Amino acid sequence: AIVKEEIFGPVFTILKFRDYDDVIRRSNDVTYGLGSSVWTSDITTAMRATRDLRFGTVWVNEHVVVPSEMPWAGYKQSGHGASLSPYSLEEFTYIKHVYFDITGKVRKDWYDQIFKG
């Protein structure tokens, strides 16, 4: 029997896709739904993707930013309810945190505060 478990760690997957609907369908066709990233310079596509992706957190042009005042919740089999923030009281709702970086910077000023040894 194949056992599928949720992976916690840096996992980077690159797949070719035909069009927007194909990439959204394939992205959502997973058992878990804790977090996902959208990388695009098209704000309309970014907004549409944040709506259509079934993940608890959707980052746009960023990944792994988790402010303590924002909810951290999964969809599907990625947990139940939300931790961090008052949303943890709303265990039976689905929420989505969308984070847009609009600076255009590749290296953010805060990176050194978090990742500097």
PDB file of N, CA and C in Angstrom:
ATOM      1  N   ALA A   1       0.832  -1.178   0.000  1.00  0.00           N
ATOM      2  CA  ALA A   1       0.000   0.000   0.000  1.00  0.00           C
ATOM      3  C   ALA A   1       0.879   1.244   0.000  1.00  0.00           C
ATOM      4  N   ILE A   2       0.485   2.229  -0.745  1.00  0.00           N
ATOM      5  CA  ILE A   2       1.209   3.498  -0.799  1.00  0.00           C
ATOM      6  C   ILE A   2       0.693   4.388   0.322  1.00  0.00           C
ATOM      7  N   VAL A   3       1.618   4.875   1.130  1.00  0.00           N
ATOM      8  CA  VAL A   3       1.265   5.782   2.216  1.00  0.00           C
ATOM      9  C   VAL A   3       1.690   7.182   1.818  1.00  0.00           C
ATOM     10  N   LYS A   4       0.755   8.098   1.850  1.00  0.00           N
ATOM     11  CA  LYS A   4       1.054   9.492   1.532  1.00  0.00           C
ATOM     12  C   LYS A   4       0.991  10.293   2.816  1.00  0.00           C
ATOM     13  N   GLU A   5       2.036  11.028   3.111  1.00  0.00           N
ATOM     14  CA  GLU A   5       2.065  11.860   4.298  1.00  0.00           C
ATOM     15  C   GLU A   5       2.358  13.291   3.889  1.00  0.00           C
ATOM     16  N   GLU A   6       1.899  14.214   4.688  1.00  0.00           N
ATOM     17  CA  GLU A   6       2.157  15.626   4.425  1.00  0.00           C
ATOM     18  C   GLU A   6       3.630  15.913   4.673  1.00  0.00           C
ATOM     19  N   ILE A   7       4.248  16.611   3.746  1.00  0.00           N
ATOM     20  CA  ILE A   7       5.669  16.934   3.830  1.00  0.00           C
ATOM     21  C   ILE A   7       5.834  18.304   4.460  1.00  0.00           C
ATOM     22  N   PHE A   8       6.703  18.391   5.465  1.00  0.00           N
ATOM     23  CA  PHE A   8       7.025  19.690   6.058  1.00  0.00           C
ATOM     24  C   PHE A   8       8.495  19.952   5.796  1.00  0.00           C
ATOM     25  N   GLY A   9       8.761  20.858   4.919  1.00  0.00           N
ATOM     26  CA  GLY A   9      10.127  21.190   4.557  1.00  0.00           C
ATOM     27  C   GLY A   9      10.116  21.872   3.216  1.00  0.00           C
ATOM     28  N   PRO A  10      11.252  22.316   2.791  1.00  0.00           N
ATOM     29  CA  PRO A  10      11.303  22.984   1.485  1.00  0.00           C
ATOM     30  C   PRO A  10      11.134  21.978   0.350  1.00  0.00           C
ATOM     31  N   VAL A  11      10.012  22.073  -0.324  1.00  0.00           N
ATOM     32  CA  VAL A  11       9.732  21.221  -1.472  1.00  0.00           C
ATOM     33  C   VAL A  11       9.389  22.132  -2.634  1.00  0.00           C
ATOM     34  N   PHE A  12      10.067  21.955  -3.729  1.00  0.00           N
ATOM     35  CA  PHE A  12       9.869  22.811  -4.886  1.00  0.00           C
ATOM     36  C   PHE A  12       9.520  21.927  -6.066  1.00  0.00           C
ATOM     37  N   THR A  13       8.353  22.120  -6.641  1.00  0.00           N
ATOM     38  CA  THR A  13       7.903  21.317  -7.764  1.00  0.00           C
ATOM     39  C   THR A  13       7.695  22.223  -8.969  1.00  0.00           C
ATOM     40  N   ILE A  14       8.224  21.799 -10.092  1.00  0.00           N
ATOM     41  CA  ILE A  14       8.032  22.541 -11.332  1.00  0.00           C
ATOM     42  C   ILE A  14       7.369  21.610 -12.328  1.00  0.00           C
ATOM     43  N   LEU A  15       6.230  22.021 -12.839  1.00  0.00           N
ATOM     44  CA  LEU A  15       5.496  21.250 -13.824  1.00  0.00           C
ATOM     45  C   LEU A  15       5.097  22.156 -14.977  1.00  0.00           C
ATOM     46  N   LYS A  16       5.149  21.622 -16.179  1.00  0.00           N
ATOM     47  CA  LYS A  16       4.623  22.364 -17.322  1.00  0.00           C
ATOM     48  C   LYS A  16       3.106  22.267 -17.288  1.00  0.00           C
ATOM     49  N   PHE A  17       2.434  23.312 -17.773  1.00  0.00           N
ATOM     50  CA  PHE A  17       0.980  23.286 -17.808  1.00  0.00           C
ATOM     51  C   PHE A  17       0.504  23.952 -19.089  1.00  0.00           C
ATOM     52  N   ARG A  18      -0.712  23.575 -19.486  1.00  0.00           N
ATOM     53  CA  ARG A  18      -1.277  24.085 -20.747  1.00  0.00           C
ATOM     54  C   ARG A  18      -1.807  25.500 -20.600  1.00  0.00           C
ATOM     55  N   ASP A  19      -2.565  25.738 -19.523  1.00  0.00           N
ATOM     56  CA  ASP A  19      -3.212  27.027 -19.334  1.00  0.00           C
ATOM     57  C   ASP A  19      -3.553  27.203 -17.869  1.00  0.00           C
ATOM     58  N   TYR A  20      -4.170  28.295 -17.545  1.00  0.00           N
ATOM     59  CA  TYR A  20      -4.514  28.623 -16.158  1.00  0.00           C
ATOM     60  C   TYR A  20      -5.362  27.520 -15.518  1.00  0.00           C
ATOM     61  N   ASP A  21      -6.407  27.087 -16.195  1.00  0.00           N
ATOM     62  CA  ASP A  21      -7.298  26.076 -15.624  1.00  0.00           C
ATOM     63  C   ASP A  21      -6.561  24.773 -15.338  1.00  0.00           C
ATOM     64  N   ASP A  22      -5.638  24.401 -16.209  1.00  0.00           N
ATOM     65  CA  ASP A  22      -4.852  23.180 -16.017  1.00  0.00           C
ATOM     66  C   ASP A  22      -3.985  23.266 -14.763  1.00  0.00           C
ATOM     67  N   VAL A  23      -3.309  24.381 -14.581  1.00  0.00           N
ATOM     68  CA  VAL A  23      -2.417  24.498 -13.425  1.00  0.00           C
ATOM     69  C   VAL A  23      -3.213  24.569 -12.120  1.00  0.00           C
ATOM     70  N   ILE A  24      -4.352  25.219 -12.105  1.00  0.00           N
ATOM     71  CA  ILE A  24      -5.180  25.281 -10.895  1.00  0.00           C
ATOM     72  C   ILE A  24      -5.746  23.895 -10.582  1.00  0.00           C
ATOM     73  N   ARG A  25      -6.249  23.209 -11.585  1.00  0.00           N
ATOM     74  CA  ARG A  25      -6.806  21.869 -11.377  1.00  0.00           C
ATOM     75  C   ARG A  25      -5.752  20.935 -10.808  1.00  0.00           C
ATOM     76  N   ARG A  26      -4.572  20.939 -11.392  1.00  0.00           N
ATOM     77  CA  ARG A  26      -3.498  20.053 -10.938  1.00  0.00           C
ATOM     78  C   ARG A  26      -2.993  20.448  -9.560  1.00  0.00           C
ATOM     79  N   SER A  27      -2.938  21.736  -9.284  1.00  0.00           N
ATOM     80  CA  SER A  27      -2.494  22.188  -7.967  1.00  0.00           C
ATOM     81  C   SER A  27      -3.476  21.767  -6.881  1.00  0.00           C
ATOM     82  N   ASN A  28      -4.745  21.873  -7.153  1.00  0.00           N
ATOM     83  CA  ASN A  28      -5.764  21.525  -6.167  1.00  0.00           C
ATOM     84  C   ASN A  28      -5.993  20.025  -6.033  1.00  0.00           C
ATOM     85  N   ASP A  29      -5.489  19.250  -6.970  1.00  0.00           N
ATOM     86  CA  ASP A  29      -5.686  17.794  -6.969  1.00  0.00           C
ATOM     87  C   ASP A  29      -4.661  17.110  -6.063  1.00  0.00           C
ATOM     88  N   VAL A  30      -4.603  17.561  -4.828  1.00  0.00           N
ATOM     89  CA  VAL A  30      -3.700  16.992  -3.833  1.00  0.00           C
ATOM     90  C   VAL A  30      -4.490  16.723  -2.555  1.00  0.00           C
ATOM     91  N   THR A  31      -3.964  15.841  -1.744  1.00  0.00           N
ATOM     92  CA  THR A  31      -4.630  15.463  -0.505  1.00  0.00           C
ATOM     93  C   THR A  31      -4.560  16.563   0.536  1.00  0.00           C
ATOM     94  N   TYR A  32      -3.454  17.298   0.540  1.00  0.00           N
ATOM     95  CA  TYR A  32      -3.230  18.297   1.577  1.00  0.00           C
ATOM     96  C   TYR A  32      -3.347  19.700   1.005  1.00  0.00           C
ATOM     97  N   GLY A  33      -3.455  20.682   1.877  1.00  0.00           N
ATOM     98  CA  GLY A  33      -3.603  22.052   1.392  1.00  0.00           C
ATOM     99  C   GLY A  33      -3.197  23.088   2.425  1.00  0.00           C
ATOM    100  N   LEU A  34      -1.972  22.967   2.936  1.00  0.00           N
ATOM    101  CA  LEU A  34      -1.532  23.930   3.943  1.00  0.00           C
ATOM    102  C   LEU A  34      -1.108  25.256   3.299  1.00  0.00           C
ATOM    103  N   GLY A  35      -0.182  25.211   2.349  1.00  0.00           N
ATOM    104  CA  GLY A  35       0.291  26.449   1.744  1.00  0.00           C
ATOM    105  C   GLY A  35       0.689  26.272   0.294  1.00  0.00           C
ATOM    106  N   SER A  36       0.618  27.374  -0.440  1.00  0.00           N
ATOM    107  CA  SER A  36       1.022  27.373  -1.844  1.00  0.00           C
ATOM    108  C   SER A  36       1.542  28.762  -2.206  1.00  0.00           C
ATOM    109  N   SER A  37       2.271  28.828  -3.303  1.00  0.00           N
ATOM    110  CA  SER A  37       2.814  30.102  -3.789  1.00  0.00           C
ATOM    111  C   SER A  37       2.427  30.316  -5.239  1.00  0.00           C
ATOM    112  N   VAL A  38       2.196  31.565  -5.578  1.00  0.00           N
ATOM    113  CA  VAL A  38       1.948  31.971  -6.956  1.00  0.00           C
ATOM    114  C   VAL A  38       3.022  32.984  -7.303  1.00  0.00           C
ATOM    115  N   TRP A  39       3.693  32.774  -8.404  1.00  0.00           N
ATOM    116  CA  TRP A  39       4.761  33.684  -8.838  1.00  0.00           C
ATOM    117  C   TRP A  39       4.363  34.248 -10.194  1.00  0.00           C
ATOM    118  N   THR A  40       4.040  35.523 -10.218  1.00  0.00           N
ATOM    119  CA  THR A  40       3.580  36.165 -11.448  1.00  0.00           C
ATOM    120  C   THR A  40       3.743  37.671 -11.334  1.00  0.00           C
ATOM    121  N   SER A  41       3.858  38.330 -12.463  1.00  0.00           N
ATOM    122  CA  SER A  41       3.869  39.791 -12.477  1.00  0.00           C
ATOM    123  C   SER A  41       2.496  40.339 -12.862  1.00  0.00           C
ATOM    124  N   ASP A  42       1.545  39.454 -13.139  1.00  0.00           N
ATOM    125  CA  ASP A  42       0.196  39.843 -13.558  1.00  0.00           C
ATOM    126  C   ASP A  42      -0.724  39.847 -12.343  1.00  0.00           C
ATOM    127  N   ILE A  43      -1.113  41.019 -11.859  1.00  0.00           N
ATOM    128  CA  ILE A  43      -1.925  41.136 -10.647  1.00  0.00           C
ATOM    129  C   ILE A  43      -3.290  40.486 -10.811  1.00  0.00           C
ATOM    130  N   THR A  44      -3.864  40.518 -11.997  1.00  0.00           N
ATOM    131  CA  THR A  44      -5.161  39.890 -12.231  1.00  0.00           C
ATOM    132  C   THR A  44      -5.064  38.377 -12.085  1.00  0.00           C
ATOM    133  N   THR A  45      -4.026  37.794 -12.660  1.00  0.00           N
ATOM    134  CA  THR A  45      -3.808  36.355 -12.515  1.00  0.00           C
ATOM    135  C   THR A  45      -3.555  36.003 -11.055  1.00  0.00           C
ATOM    136  N   ALA A  46      -2.790  36.824 -10.359  1.00  0.00           N
ATOM    137  CA  ALA A  46      -2.506  36.571  -8.944  1.00  0.00           C
ATOM    138  C   ALA A  46      -3.790  36.580  -8.121  1.00  0.00           C
ATOM    139  N   MET A  47      -4.633  37.566  -8.314  1.00  0.00           N
ATOM    140  CA  MET A  47      -5.889  37.650  -7.567  1.00  0.00           C
ATOM    141  C   MET A  47      -6.796  36.459  -7.882  1.00  0.00           C
ATOM    142  N   ARG A  48      -6.855  36.097  -9.135  1.00  0.00           N
ATOM    143  CA  ARG A  48      -7.689  34.960  -9.542  1.00  0.00           C
ATOM    144  C   ARG A  48      -7.171  33.664  -8.917  1.00  0.00           C
ATOM    145  N   ALA A  49      -5.859  33.488  -8.914  1.00  0.00           N
ATOM    146  CA  ALA A  49      -5.268  32.268  -8.358  1.00  0.00           C
ATOM    147  C   ALA A  49      -5.485  32.182  -6.849  1.00  0.00           C
ATOM    148  N   THR A  50      -5.366  33.306  -6.127  1.00  0.00           N
ATOM    149  CA  THR A  50      -5.579  33.262  -4.684  1.00  0.00           C
ATOM    150  C   THR A  50      -7.024  32.855  -4.363  1.00  0.00           C
ATOM    151  N   ARG A  51      -7.936  33.223  -5.223  1.00  0.00           N
ATOM    152  CA  ARG A  51      -9.330  32.817  -5.047  1.00  0.00           C
ATOM    153  C   ARG A  51      -9.519  31.335  -5.350  1.00  0.00           C
ATOM    154  N   ASP A  52      -8.884  30.840  -6.392  1.00  0.00           N
ATOM    155  CA  ASP A  52      -9.149  29.492  -6.893  1.00  0.00           C
ATOM    156  C   ASP A  52      -8.337  28.393  -6.214  1.00  0.00           C
ATOM    157  N   LEU A  53      -7.212  28.723  -5.648  1.00  0.00           N
ATOM    158  CA  LEU A  53      -6.390  27.703  -4.996  1.00  0.00           C
ATOM    159  C   LEU A  53      -6.992  27.306  -3.651  1.00  0.00           C
ATOM    160  N   ARG A  54      -7.082  26.028  -3.385  1.00  0.00           N
ATOM    161  CA  ARG A  54      -7.677  25.501  -2.155  1.00  0.00           C
ATOM    162  C   ARG A  54      -6.574  25.169  -1.152  1.00  0.00           C
ATOM    163  N   PHE A  55      -5.937  26.219  -0.647  1.00  0.00           N
ATOM    164  CA  PHE A  55      -4.874  26.103   0.339  1.00  0.00           C
ATOM    165  C   PHE A  55      -5.117  27.137   1.425  1.00  0.00           C
ATOM    166  N   GLY A  56      -4.726  26.821   2.644  1.00  0.00           N
ATOM    167  CA  GLY A  56      -4.950  27.721   3.766  1.00  0.00           C
ATOM    168  C   GLY A  56      -4.192  29.019   3.665  1.00  0.00           C
ATOM    169  N   THR A  57      -3.001  28.977   3.101  1.00  0.00           N
ATOM    170  CA  THR A  57      -2.220  30.187   2.858  1.00  0.00           C
ATOM    171  C   THR A  57      -1.780  30.186   1.406  1.00  0.00           C
ATOM    172  N   VAL A  58      -1.953  31.310   0.747  1.00  0.00           N
ATOM    173  CA  VAL A  58      -1.460  31.484  -0.620  1.00  0.00           C
ATOM    174  C   VAL A  58      -0.565  32.716  -0.611  1.00  0.00           C
ATOM    175  N   TRP A  59       0.712  32.504  -0.877  1.00  0.00           N
ATOM    176  CA  TRP A  59       1.647  33.616  -0.986  1.00  0.00           C
ATOM    177  C   TRP A  59       1.751  34.016  -2.450  1.00  0.00           C
ATOM    178  N   VAL A  60       1.908  35.306  -2.712  1.00  0.00           N
ATOM    179  CA  VAL A  60       2.116  35.792  -4.071  1.00  0.00           C
ATOM    180  C   VAL A  60       3.484  36.449  -4.121  1.00  0.00           C
ATOM    181  N   ASN A  61       4.346  35.909  -4.961  1.00  0.00           N
ATOM    182  CA  ASN A  61       5.731  36.365  -5.134  1.00  0.00           C
ATOM    183  C   ASN A  61       6.510  36.318  -3.819  1.00  0.00           C
ATOM    184  N   GLU A  62       6.193  35.352  -3.013  1.00  0.00           N
ATOM    185  CA  GLU A  62       6.809  35.181  -1.692  1.00  0.00           C
ATOM    186  C   GLU A  62       6.473  33.783  -1.199  1.00  0.00           C
ATOM    187  N   HIS A  63       7.175  33.312  -0.189  1.00  0.00           N
ATOM    188  CA  HIS A  63       6.835  32.035   0.426  1.00  0.00           C
ATOM    189  C   HIS A  63       7.363  31.993   1.854  1.00  0.00           C
ATOM    190  N   VAL A  64       6.611  31.467   2.761  1.00  0.00           N
ATOM    191  CA  VAL A  64       6.946  31.178   4.152  1.00  0.00           C
ATOM    192  C   VAL A  64       6.771  32.358   5.110  1.00  0.00           C
ATOM    193  N   VAL A  65       6.302  33.495   4.680  1.00  0.00           N
ATOM    194  CA  VAL A  65       6.018  34.588   5.605  1.00  0.00           C
ATOM    195  C   VAL A  65       4.760  34.197   6.390  1.00  0.00           C
ATOM    196  N   VAL A  66       4.879  34.139   7.724  1.00  0.00           N
ATOM    197  CA  VAL A  66       3.739  33.770   8.566  1.00  0.00           C
ATOM    198  C   VAL A  66       3.670  34.730   9.757  1.00  0.00           C
ATOM    199  N   PRO A  67       3.095  35.915   9.562  1.00  0.00           N
ATOM    200  CA  PRO A  67       2.969  36.851  10.682  1.00  0.00           C
ATOM    201  C   PRO A  67       2.088  36.260  11.786  1.00  0.00           C
ATOM    202  N   SER A  68       2.442  36.502  13.027  1.00  0.00           N
ATOM    203  CA  SER A  68       1.723  35.888  14.146  1.00  0.00           C
ATOM    204  C   SER A  68       0.274  36.333  14.254  1.00  0.00           C
ATOM    205  N   GLU A  69      -0.070  37.490  13.725  1.00  0.00           N
ATOM    206  CA  GLU A  69      -1.450  37.945  13.816  1.00  0.00           C
ATOM    207  C   GLU A  69      -2.336  37.393  12.708  1.00  0.00           C
ATOM    208  N   MET A  70      -1.746  36.672  11.774  1.00  0.00           N
ATOM    209  CA  MET A  70      -2.516  36.097  10.671  1.00  0.00           C
ATOM    210  C   MET A  70      -2.763  34.620  10.941  1.00  0.00           C
ATOM    211  N   PRO A  71      -3.882  34.099  10.477  1.00  0.00           N
ATOM    212  CA  PRO A  71      -4.196  32.692  10.724  1.00  0.00           C
ATOM    213  C   PRO A  71      -3.261  31.751   9.969  1.00  0.00           C
ATOM    214  N   TRP A  72      -3.026  30.603  10.553  1.00  0.00           N
ATOM    215  CA  TRP A  72      -2.250  29.534   9.920  1.00  0.00           C
ATOM    216  C   TRP A  72      -3.157  28.327   9.934  1.00  0.00           C
ATOM    217  N   ALA A  73      -3.772  28.045   8.797  1.00  0.00           N
ATOM    218  CA  ALA A  73      -4.754  26.971   8.723  1.00  0.00           C
ATOM    219  C   ALA A  73      -4.625  26.235   7.409  1.00  0.00           C
ATOM    220  N   GLY A  74      -4.952  24.975   7.427  1.00  0.00           N
ATOM    221  CA  GLY A  74      -4.894  24.164   6.220  1.00  0.00           C
ATOM    222  C   GLY A  74      -6.274  23.835   5.685  1.00  0.00           C
ATOM    223  N   TYR A  75      -6.305  23.410   4.450  1.00  0.00           N
ATOM    224  CA  TYR A  75      -7.512  22.894   3.827  1.00  0.00           C
ATOM    225  C   TYR A  75      -7.333  21.383   3.687  1.00  0.00           C
ATOM    226  N   LYS A  76      -8.379  20.708   3.334  1.00  0.00           N
ATOM    227  CA  LYS A  76      -8.369  19.270   3.068  1.00  0.00           C
ATOM    228  C   LYS A  76      -7.848  18.523   4.288  1.00  0.00           C
ATOM    229  N   GLN A  77      -6.836  17.671   4.123  1.00  0.00           N
ATOM    230  CA  GLN A  77      -6.332  16.878   5.237  1.00  0.00           C
ATOM    231  C   GLN A  77      -5.142  17.535   5.935  1.00  0.00           C
ATOM    232  N   SER A  78      -4.978  18.824   5.777  1.00  0.00           N
ATOM    233  CA  SER A  78      -3.900  19.569   6.432  1.00  0.00           C
ATOM    234  C   SER A  78      -4.398  20.198   7.728  1.00  0.00           C
ATOM    235  N   GLY A  79      -4.901  19.398   8.591  1.00  0.00           N
ATOM    236  CA  GLY A  79      -5.301  19.900   9.885  1.00  0.00           C
ATOM    237  C   GLY A  79      -6.756  20.303   9.958  1.00  0.00           C
ATOM    238  N   HIS A  80      -7.095  20.845  11.122  1.00  0.00           N
ATOM    239  CA  HIS A  80      -8.479  21.203  11.401  1.00  0.00           C
ATOM    240  C   HIS A  80      -8.477  22.517  12.168  1.00  0.00           C
ATOM    241  N   GLY A  81      -9.151  23.514  11.657  1.00  0.00           N
ATOM    242  CA  GLY A  81      -9.159  24.799  12.331  1.00  0.00           C
ATOM    243  C   GLY A  81      -7.901  25.589  12.032  1.00  0.00           C
ATOM    244  N   ALA A  82      -7.657  26.620  12.833  1.00  0.00           N
ATOM    245  CA  ALA A  82      -6.519  27.506  12.584  1.00  0.00           C
ATOM    246  C   ALA A  82      -5.791  27.795  13.879  1.00  0.00           C
ATOM    247  N   SER A  83      -4.485  27.905  13.776  1.00  0.00           N
ATOM    248  CA  SER A  83      -3.703  28.352  14.923  1.00  0.00           C
ATOM    249  C   SER A  83      -3.227  29.769  14.648  1.00  0.00           C
ATOM    250  N   LEU A  84      -2.681  30.421  15.651  1.00  0.00           N
ATOM    251  CA  LEU A  84      -2.274  31.819  15.538  1.00  0.00           C
ATOM    252  C   LEU A  84      -3.507  32.667  15.235  1.00  0.00           C
ATOM    253  N   SER A  85      -3.733  33.673  15.936  1.00  0.00           N
ATOM    254  CA  SER A  85      -4.805  34.639  15.694  1.00  0.00           C
ATOM    255  C   SER A  85      -6.139  34.187  16.295  1.00  0.00           C
ATOM    256  N   PRO A  86      -7.064  35.109  16.405  1.00  0.00           N
ATOM    257  CA  PRO A  86      -8.398  34.779  16.939  1.00  0.00           C
ATOM    258  C   PRO A  86      -9.171  33.766  16.098  1.00  0.00           C
ATOM    259  N   TYR A  87      -8.753  33.538  14.855  1.00  0.00           N
ATOM    260  CA  TYR A  87      -9.442  32.576  14.007  1.00  0.00           C
ATOM    261  C   TYR A  87      -9.353  31.156  14.555  1.00  0.00           C
ATOM    262  N   SER A  88      -8.437  30.906  15.497  1.00  0.00           N
ATOM    263  CA  SER A  88      -8.335  29.565  16.051  1.00  0.00           C
ATOM    264  C   SER A  88      -9.627  29.153  16.750  1.00  0.00           C
ATOM    265  N   LEU A  89     -10.464  30.131  17.098  1.00  0.00           N
ATOM    266  CA  LEU A  89     -11.756  29.829  17.707  1.00  0.00           C
ATOM    267  C   LEU A  89     -12.782  29.371  16.676  1.00  0.00           C
ATOM    268  N   GLU A  90     -12.503  29.602  15.438  1.00  0.00           N
ATOM    269  CA  GLU A  90     -13.434  29.274  14.358  1.00  0.00           C
ATOM    270  C   GLU A  90     -13.038  27.962  13.689  1.00  0.00           C
ATOM    271  N   GLU A  91     -13.034  26.866  14.459  1.00  0.00           N
ATOM    272  CA  GLU A  91     -12.498  25.600  13.962  1.00  0.00           C
ATOM    273  C   GLU A  91     -13.224  25.020  12.761  1.00  0.00           C
ATOM    274  N   PHE A  92     -14.414  25.437  12.517  1.00  0.00           N
ATOM    275  CA  PHE A  92     -15.166  24.819  11.442  1.00  0.00           C
ATOM    276  C   PHE A  92     -15.322  25.727  10.224  1.00  0.00           C
ATOM    277  N   THR A  93     -14.442  26.695  10.084  1.00  0.00           N
ATOM    278  CA  THR A  93     -14.483  27.566   8.917  1.00  0.00           C
ATOM    279  C   THR A  93     -13.186  27.422   8.137  1.00  0.00           C
ATOM    280  N   TYR A  94     -13.231  27.727   6.881  1.00  0.00           N
ATOM    281  CA  TYR A  94     -12.025  27.773   6.062  1.00  0.00           C
ATOM    282  C   TYR A  94     -11.672  29.228   5.852  1.00  0.00           C
ATOM    283  N   ILE A  95     -10.442  29.544   6.122  1.00  0.00           N
ATOM    284  CA  ILE A  95      -9.960  30.903   5.930  1.00  0.00           C
ATOM    285  C   ILE A  95      -8.757  30.857   5.005  1.00  0.00           C
ATOM    286  N   LYS A  96      -8.432  31.985   4.435  1.00  0.00           N
ATOM    287  CA  LYS A  96      -7.290  32.038   3.527  1.00  0.00           C
ATOM    288  C   LYS A  96      -6.524  33.313   3.772  1.00  0.00           C
ATOM    289  N   HIS A  97      -5.236  33.181   3.976  1.00  0.00           N
ATOM    290  CA  HIS A  97      -4.332  34.307   4.155  1.00  0.00           C
ATOM    291  C   HIS A  97      -3.612  34.506   2.822  1.00  0.00           C
ATOM    292  N   VAL A  98      -3.726  35.681   2.238  1.00  0.00           N
ATOM    293  CA  VAL A  98      -3.073  36.003   0.979  1.00  0.00           C
ATOM    294  C   VAL A  98      -2.069  37.115   1.235  1.00  0.00           C
ATOM    295  N   TYR A  99      -0.834  36.906   0.855  1.00  0.00           N
ATOM    296  CA  TYR A  99       0.237  37.872   1.078  1.00  0.00           C
ATOM    297  C   TYR A  99       0.823  38.260  -0.277  1.00  0.00           C
ATOM    298  N   PHE A 100       0.802  39.536  -0.609  1.00  0.00           N
ATOM    299  CA  PHE A 100       1.381  40.039  -1.854  1.00  0.00           C
ATOM    300  C   PHE A 100       2.640  40.834  -1.543  1.00  0.00           C
ATOM    301  N   ASP A 101       3.719  40.529  -2.230  1.00  0.00           N
ATOM    302  CA  ASP A 101       4.886  41.393  -2.174  1.00  0.00           C
ATOM    303  C   ASP A 101       4.832  42.263  -3.420  1.00  0.00           C
ATOM    304  N   ILE A 102       4.737  43.562  -3.242  1.00  0.00           N
ATOM    305  CA  ILE A 102       4.634  44.465  -4.389  1.00  0.00           C
ATOM    306  C   ILE A 102       5.878  45.347  -4.518  1.00  0.00           C
ATOM    307  N   THR A 103       6.927  45.013  -3.755  1.00  0.00           N
ATOM    308  CA  THR A 103       8.143  45.823  -3.821  1.00  0.00           C
ATOM    309  C   THR A 103       8.946  45.556  -5.081  1.00  0.00           C
ATOM    310  N   GLY A 104       8.818  44.363  -5.630  1.00  0.00           N
ATOM    311  CA  GLY A 104       9.627  43.991  -6.784  1.00  0.00           C
ATOM    312  C   GLY A 104      11.023  43.552  -6.404  1.00  0.00           C
ATOM    313  N   LYS A 105      11.353  43.601  -5.126  1.00  0.00           N
ATOM    314  CA  LYS A 105      12.685  43.199  -4.670  1.00  0.00           C
ATOM    315  C   LYS A 105      12.807  41.680  -4.662  1.00  0.00           C
ATOM    316  N   VAL A 106      13.946  41.185  -5.114  1.00  0.00           N
ATOM    317  CA  VAL A 106      14.211  39.753  -5.044  1.00  0.00           C
ATOM    318  C   VAL A 106      14.624  39.384  -3.632  1.00  0.00           C
ATOM    319  N   ARG A 107      15.477  40.173  -3.024  1.00  0.00           N
ATOM    320  CA  ARG A 107      15.919  39.938  -1.654  1.00  0.00           C
ATOM    321  C   ARG A 107      15.257  40.981  -0.752  1.00  0.00           C
ATOM    322  N   LYS A 108      14.436  40.524   0.152  1.00  0.00           N
ATOM    323  CA  LYS A 108      13.687  41.414   1.027  1.00  0.00           C
ATOM    324  C   LYS A 108      14.563  41.882   2.192  1.00  0.00           C
ATOM    325  N   ASP A 109      14.295  43.078   2.700  1.00  0.00           N
ATOM    326  CA  ASP A 109      15.068  43.645   3.804  1.00  0.00           C
ATOM    327  C   ASP A 109      15.008  42.779   5.055  1.00  0.00           C
ATOM    328  N   TRP A 110      13.899  42.117   5.291  1.00  0.00           N
ATOM    329  CA  TRP A 110      13.728  41.349   6.518  1.00  0.00           C
ATOM    330  C   TRP A 110      14.423  39.991   6.476  1.00  0.00           C
ATOM    331  N   TYR A 111      14.881  39.521   5.316  1.00  0.00           N
ATOM    332  CA  TYR A 111      15.505  38.196   5.216  1.00  0.00           C
ATOM    333  C   TYR A 111      16.662  38.025   6.178  1.00  0.00           C
ATOM    334  N   ASP A 112      17.512  39.041   6.279  1.00  0.00           N
ATOM    335  CA  ASP A 112      18.678  38.929   7.160  1.00  0.00           C
ATOM    336  C   ASP A 112      18.275  38.785   8.627  1.00  0.00           C
ATOM    337  N   GLN A 113      17.169  39.394   9.006  1.00  0.00           N
ATOM    338  CA  GLN A 113      16.708  39.284  10.393  1.00  0.00           C
ATOM    339  C   GLN A 113      16.308  37.843  10.724  1.00  0.00           C
ATOM    340  N   ILE A 114      15.767  37.127   9.758  1.00  0.00           N
ATOM    341  CA  ILE A 114      15.286  35.771   9.988  1.00  0.00           C
ATOM    342  C   ILE A 114      16.340  34.717   9.693  1.00  0.00           C
ATOM    343  N   PHE A 115      17.057  34.852   8.570  1.00  0.00           N
ATOM    344  CA  PHE A 115      17.915  33.794   8.071  1.00  0.00           C
ATOM    345  C   PHE A 115      19.403  33.997   8.317  1.00  0.00           C
ATOM    346  N   LYS A 116      19.797  35.152   8.825  1.00  0.00           N
ATOM    347  CA  LYS A 116      21.211  35.412   9.067  1.00  0.00           C
ATOM    348  C   LYS A 116      21.660  34.586  10.259  1.00  0.00           C
ATOM    349  N   GLY A 117      22.767  33.891  10.096  1.00  0.00           N
ATOM    350  CA  GLY A 117      23.272  32.981  11.127  1.00  0.00           C
ATOM    351  C   GLY A 117      23.790  33.705  12.281  1.00  0.00           C
TER     352      GLY A 117
END
